[in-house]
C-alpha atoms as a PDB file:
ATOM      1  CA  MET A   1      43.187   8.866  17.152  1.00  0.00           C
ATOM      2  CA  LYS A   2      44.004   7.073  13.939  1.00  0.00           C
ATOM      3  CA  ARG A   3      47.638   6.967  12.831  1.00  0.00           C
ATOM      4  CA  PRO A   4      48.379   8.366   9.390  1.00  0.00           C
ATOM      5  CA  PRO A   5      49.665   5.741   6.966  1.00  0.00           C
ATOM      6  CA  PRO A   6      53.253   5.980   5.754  1.00  0.00           C
ATOM      7  CA  SER A   7      53.661   8.081   2.664  1.00  0.00           C
ATOM      8  CA  ALA A   8      54.440   5.087   0.481  1.00  0.00           C
ATOM      9  CA  ALA A   9      51.868   2.391  -0.106  1.00  0.00           C
ATOM     10  CA  CYS A  10      52.285  -1.190  -1.180  1.00  0.00           C
ATOM     11  CA  PHE A  11      50.673  -2.057  -4.492  1.00  0.00           C
ATOM     12  CA  LEU A  12      50.538  -5.596  -5.819  1.00  0.00           C
ATOM     13  CA  LEU A  13      51.684  -5.235  -9.385  1.00  0.00           C
ATOM     14  CA  ALA A  14      51.947  -8.857 -10.334  1.00  0.00           C
ATOM     15  CA  LEU A  15      50.613 -12.140  -9.101  1.00  0.00           C
ATOM     16  CA  PHE A  16      52.172 -15.331 -10.314  1.00  0.00           C
ATOM     17  CA  LEU A  17      50.574 -18.678  -9.648  1.00  0.00           C
ATOM     18  CA  LEU A  18      53.118 -21.431  -9.995  1.00  0.00           C
ATOM     19  CA  ALA A  19      52.723 -25.146  -9.489  1.00  0.00           C
ATOM     20  CA  GLY A  20      55.929 -26.902  -8.558  1.00  0.00           C
ATOM     21  CA  CYS A  21      57.059 -30.064 -10.266  1.00  0.00           C
ATOM     22  CA  GLY A  22      56.077 -33.478  -8.931  1.00  0.00           C
ATOM     23  CA  ALA A  23      58.382 -35.298  -6.552  1.00  0.00           C
ATOM     24  CA  VAL A  24      58.444 -38.913  -5.475  1.00  0.00           C
ATOM     25  CA  SER A  25      57.546 -39.297  -1.819  1.00  0.00           C
ATOM     26  CA  PRO A  26      58.989 -42.418  -0.204  1.00  0.00           C
ATOM     27  CA  SER A  27      57.099 -41.862   3.064  1.00  0.00           C
ATOM     28  CA  ASP A  28      54.683 -44.770   2.532  1.00  0.00           C
ATOM     29  CA  GLY A  29      57.012 -46.871   0.410  1.00  0.00           C
ATOM     30  CA  ALA A  30      54.598 -46.788  -2.524  1.00  0.00           C
ATOM     31  CA  GLY A  31      56.349 -43.945  -4.330  1.00  0.00           C
ATOM     32  CA  ASP A  32      53.274 -41.721  -4.525  1.00  0.00           C
ATOM     33  CA  LEU A  33      53.620 -38.676  -6.704  1.00  0.00           C
ATOM     34  CA  SER A  34      52.976 -35.432  -4.832  1.00  0.00           C
ATOM     35  CA  THR A  35      52.914 -31.923  -6.259  1.00  0.00           C
ATOM     36  CA  ASP A  36      53.907 -28.861  -4.301  1.00  0.00           C
ATOM     37  CA  HIS A  37      51.781 -25.792  -4.942  1.00  0.00           C
ATOM     38  CA  TYR A  38      52.636 -22.227  -4.074  1.00  0.00           C
ATOM     39  CA  VAL A  39      51.737 -18.630  -4.867  1.00  0.00           C
ATOM     40  CA  THR A  40      54.382 -16.016  -5.577  1.00  0.00           C
ATOM     41  CA  LEU A  41      53.420 -12.372  -5.091  1.00  0.00           C
ATOM     42  CA  ALA A  42      55.507  -9.419  -6.299  1.00  0.00           C
ATOM     43  CA  TRP A  43      54.991  -5.669  -6.103  1.00  0.00           C
ATOM     44  CA  LYS A  44      56.704  -2.340  -6.676  1.00  0.00           C
ATOM     45  CA  ALA A  45      59.097  -1.471  -3.837  1.00  0.00           C
ATOM     46  CA  SER A  46      58.337   1.514  -1.630  1.00  0.00           C
ATOM     47  CA  ASP A  47      61.199   3.892  -0.793  1.00  0.00           C
ATOM     48  CA  ASP A  48      59.882   4.466   2.747  1.00  0.00           C
ATOM     49  CA  ALA A  49      59.161   0.817   3.603  1.00  0.00           C
ATOM     50  CA  ALA A  50      61.253  -0.932   6.240  1.00  0.00           C
ATOM     51  CA  HIS A  51      59.327  -4.130   5.483  1.00  0.00           C
ATOM     52  CA  TYR A  52      56.061  -5.411   4.053  1.00  0.00           C
ATOM     53  CA  ASN A  53      53.284  -7.415   5.699  1.00  0.00           C
ATOM     54  CA  ILE A  54      51.407  -9.959   3.595  1.00  0.00           C
ATOM     55  CA  TYR A  55      47.826 -10.918   4.437  1.00  0.00           C
ATOM     56  CA  ARG A  56      45.574 -13.670   3.041  1.00  0.00           C
ATOM     57  CA  SER A  57      41.877 -14.502   3.156  1.00  0.00           C
ATOM     58  CA  SER A  58      39.703 -17.260   1.748  1.00  0.00           C
ATOM     59  CA  ILE A  59      36.996 -14.707   0.921  1.00  0.00           C
ATOM     60  CA  SER A  60      37.240 -11.595  -1.197  1.00  0.00           C
ATOM     61  CA  GLY A  61      37.196  -8.236   0.520  1.00  0.00           C
ATOM     62  CA  GLY A  62      38.192  -8.977   4.061  1.00  0.00           C
ATOM     63  CA  TYR A  63      39.015 -11.109   7.059  1.00  0.00           C
ATOM     64  CA  TYR A  64      42.682 -11.059   6.074  1.00  0.00           C
ATOM     65  CA  GLY A  65      45.117 -12.808   8.364  1.00  0.00           C
ATOM     66  CA  LEU A  66      48.814 -11.970   8.516  1.00  0.00           C
ATOM     67  CA  ILE A  67      50.782 -14.799   6.874  1.00  0.00           C
ATOM     68  CA  GLY A  68      54.233 -13.244   6.728  1.00  0.00           C
ATOM     69  CA  SER A  69      56.564 -10.282   6.503  1.00  0.00           C
ATOM     70  CA  THR A  70      59.464  -9.577   4.196  1.00  0.00           C
ATOM     71  CA  VAL A  71      61.955  -6.821   3.436  1.00  0.00           C
ATOM     72  CA  ASP A  72      61.858  -7.777  -0.249  1.00  0.00           C
ATOM     73  CA  PRO A  73      59.073  -6.707  -2.623  1.00  0.00           C
ATOM     74  CA  ALA A  74      58.130 -10.350  -3.184  1.00  0.00           C
ATOM     75  CA  PHE A  75      56.720 -13.203  -1.120  1.00  0.00           C
ATOM     76  CA  THR A  76      55.997 -16.886  -1.695  1.00  0.00           C
ATOM     77  CA  ASP A  77      53.085 -18.545   0.091  1.00  0.00           C
ATOM     78  CA  ASN A  78      53.875 -22.253   0.388  1.00  0.00           C
ATOM     79  CA  ASP A  79      50.928 -23.085   2.653  1.00  0.00           C
ATOM     80  CA  VAL A  80      48.205 -23.472   0.020  1.00  0.00           C
ATOM     81  CA  ASP A  81      45.758 -26.267  -0.792  1.00  0.00           C
ATOM     82  CA  PRO A  82      44.962 -27.620  -4.273  1.00  0.00           C
ATOM     83  CA  GLY A  83      41.594 -26.364  -5.527  1.00  0.00           C
ATOM     84  CA  ALA A  84      41.449 -23.466  -3.060  1.00  0.00           C
ATOM     85  CA  THR A  85      41.113 -19.780  -3.927  1.00  0.00           C
ATOM     86  CA  TYR A  86      43.008 -17.205  -1.882  1.00  0.00           C
ATOM     87  CA  TYR A  87      42.887 -13.405  -1.756  1.00  0.00           C
ATOM     88  CA  TYR A  88      46.023 -11.442  -0.883  1.00  0.00           C
ATOM     89  CA  VAL A  89      46.832  -7.883   0.159  1.00  0.00           C
ATOM     90  CA  CYS A  90      50.046  -6.361   1.417  1.00  0.00           C
ATOM     91  CA  THR A  91      51.007  -3.301   3.410  1.00  0.00           C
ATOM     92  CA  ALA A  92      54.170  -1.232   3.676  1.00  0.00           C
ATOM     93  CA  VAL A  93      55.530  -0.634   7.174  1.00  0.00           C
ATOM     94  CA  ASP A  94      57.948   2.244   7.778  1.00  0.00           C
ATOM     95  CA  SER A  95      60.824   2.366  10.272  1.00  0.00           C
ATOM     96  CA  ALA A  96      58.523   3.917  12.912  1.00  0.00           C
ATOM     97  CA  GLY A  97      56.158   0.948  12.638  1.00  0.00           C
ATOM     98  CA  ARG A  98      53.393   2.802  10.804  1.00  0.00           C
ATOM     99  CA  GLU A  99      51.523   0.514   8.427  1.00  0.00           C
ATOM    100  CA  SER A 100      49.932   1.661   5.185  1.00  0.00           C
ATOM    101  CA  ALA A 101      46.434   0.811   4.098  1.00  0.00           C
ATOM    102  CA  HIS A 102      45.942  -2.509   2.312  1.00  0.00           C
ATOM    103  CA  SER A 103      47.050  -2.757  -1.290  1.00  0.00           C
ATOM    104  CA  ASN A 104      44.640  -3.721  -4.004  1.00  0.00           C
ATOM    105  CA  GLU A 105      43.546  -7.347  -3.665  1.00  0.00           C
ATOM    106  CA  ALA A 106      45.117 -10.125  -5.736  1.00  0.00           C
ATOM    107  CA  ARG A 107      43.351 -13.454  -6.310  1.00  0.00           C
ATOM    108  CA  ALA A 108      44.962 -16.862  -6.790  1.00  0.00           C
ATOM    109  CA  THR A 109      43.226 -20.165  -7.519  1.00  0.00           C
ATOM    110  CA  ILE A 110      45.399 -23.190  -6.876  1.00  0.00           C
ATOM    111  CA  PRO A 111      45.215 -25.883  -9.579  1.00  0.00           C
END
Protein backbone atom coordinates (compact mmCIF):
# COMPACT_ATOMS: atom_id res chain seq x y z
CA MET A 1 0.00 0.00 0.00
CA LYS A 2 1.38 3.36 -1.01
CA ARG A 3 1.71 6.03 1.67
CA PRO A 4 -0.09 9.30 1.01
CA PRO A 5 2.27 12.24 0.63
CA PRO A 6 2.24 14.96 3.29
CA SER A 7 -0.23 17.70 2.61
CA ALA A 8 2.47 20.23 1.83
CA ALA A 9 4.76 19.78 -1.13
CA CYS A 10 8.17 21.21 -1.83
CA PHE A 11 8.36 23.46 -4.87
CA LEU A 12 11.63 24.85 -6.16
CA LEU A 13 10.88 28.50 -6.69
CA ALA A 14 14.33 29.75 -7.47
CA LEU A 15 17.59 28.31 -8.62
CA PHE A 16 20.72 30.37 -8.31
CA LEU A 17 23.94 29.31 -9.97
CA LEU A 18 26.87 31.02 -8.33
CA ALA A 19 30.55 30.69 -9.06
CA GLY A 20 32.76 31.50 -6.11
CA CYS A 21 35.74 33.79 -6.39
CA GLY A 22 39.19 32.43 -7.21
CA ALA A 23 41.57 31.55 -4.42
CA VAL A 24 45.29 30.92 -4.47
CA SER A 25 46.11 27.31 -3.69
CA PRO A 26 49.57 26.81 -2.21
CA SER A 27 49.30 23.01 -2.32
CA ASP A 28 51.82 22.59 -5.15
CA GLY A 29 53.83 25.71 -4.40
CA ALA A 30 53.06 27.18 -7.82
CA GLY A 31 50.18 29.35 -6.62
CA ASP A 32 47.64 27.92 -9.05
CA LEU A 33 44.36 29.75 -9.23
CA SER A 34 41.38 27.54 -8.43
CA THR A 35 37.71 28.48 -8.55
CA ASP A 36 35.09 26.97 -6.30
CA HIS A 37 31.75 26.30 -7.96
CA TYR A 38 28.47 25.64 -6.24
CA VAL A 39 24.72 25.63 -6.80
CA THR A 40 22.33 27.27 -4.36
CA LEU A 41 18.71 26.10 -4.40
CA ALA A 42 15.85 27.89 -2.62
CA TRP A 43 12.14 27.17 -2.38
CA LYS A 44 8.97 28.20 -0.59
CA ALA A 45 8.79 26.74 2.93
CA SER A 46 6.09 24.19 3.73
CA ASP A 47 4.18 24.59 7.01
CA ASP A 48 4.00 20.81 7.53
CA ALA A 49 7.64 20.01 6.68
CA ALA A 50 9.97 18.80 9.42
CA HIS A 51 12.79 18.83 6.86
CA TYR A 52 13.49 18.69 3.14
CA ASN A 53 15.41 16.11 1.11
CA ILE A 54 17.40 17.30 -1.89
CA TYR A 55 18.08 14.98 -4.82
CA ARG A 56 20.34 15.39 -7.88
CA SER A 57 20.78 13.64 -11.21
CA SER A 58 23.05 14.10 -14.20
CA ILE A 59 20.13 13.37 -16.54
CA SER A 60 16.78 15.10 -16.76
CA GLY A 61 13.73 13.29 -15.49
CA GLY A 62 15.09 10.69 -13.15
CA TYR A 63 17.71 8.60 -11.43
CA TYR A 64 17.91 11.16 -8.64
CA GLY A 65 20.23 10.41 -5.76
CA LEU A 66 19.82 11.92 -2.30
CA ILE A 67 22.57 14.51 -1.77
CA GLY A 68 21.39 16.12 1.46
CA SER A 69 18.70 17.15 3.89
CA THR A 70 17.98 20.48 5.52
CA VAL A 71 15.42 22.08 7.82
CA ASP A 72 15.81 25.36 5.93
CA PRO A 73 14.11 26.08 2.60
CA ALA A 74 17.51 26.43 0.92
CA PHE A 75 20.47 24.19 0.14
CA THR A 76 23.93 24.66 -1.35
CA ASP A 77 25.51 21.87 -3.38
CA ASN A 78 29.28 22.28 -3.16
CA ASP A 79 30.12 18.98 -4.87
CA VAL A 80 29.82 20.07 -8.51
CA ASP A 81 32.18 19.88 -11.48
CA PRO A 82 32.92 22.69 -13.96
CA GLY A 83 31.14 22.14 -17.27
CA ALA A 84 28.64 19.66 -15.83
CA THR A 85 24.85 19.97 -15.91
CA TYR A 86 22.82 18.83 -12.91
CA TYR A 87 19.09 18.36 -12.34
CA TYR A 88 17.62 18.88 -8.87
CA VAL A 89 14.36 18.05 -7.12
CA CYS A 90 13.40 18.30 -3.48
CA THR A 91 10.78 16.74 -1.25
CA ALA A 92 9.13 17.80 1.99
CA VAL A 93 9.20 15.30 4.85
CA ASP A 94 6.72 15.65 7.71
CA SER A 95 7.27 14.77 11.38
CA ALA A 96 5.89 11.25 10.79
CA GLY A 97 8.51 10.64 8.10
CA ARG A 98 6.12 10.82 5.15
CA GLU A 99 7.82 12.24 2.07
CA SER A 100 6.05 14.27 -0.59
CA ALA A 101 6.35 13.68 -4.29
CA HIS A 102 9.30 15.30 -6.06
CA SER A 103 9.13 19.01 -6.74
CA ASN A 104 9.42 20.36 -10.23
CA GLU A 105 12.92 19.85 -11.63
CA ALA A 106 15.52 22.63 -11.63
CA ARG A 107 18.52 22.59 -13.98
CA ALA A 108 21.97 24.04 -13.33
CA THR A 109 24.92 24.15 -15.72
CA ILE A 110 28.23 24.83 -14.01
CA PRO A 111 30.46 27.35 -15.82
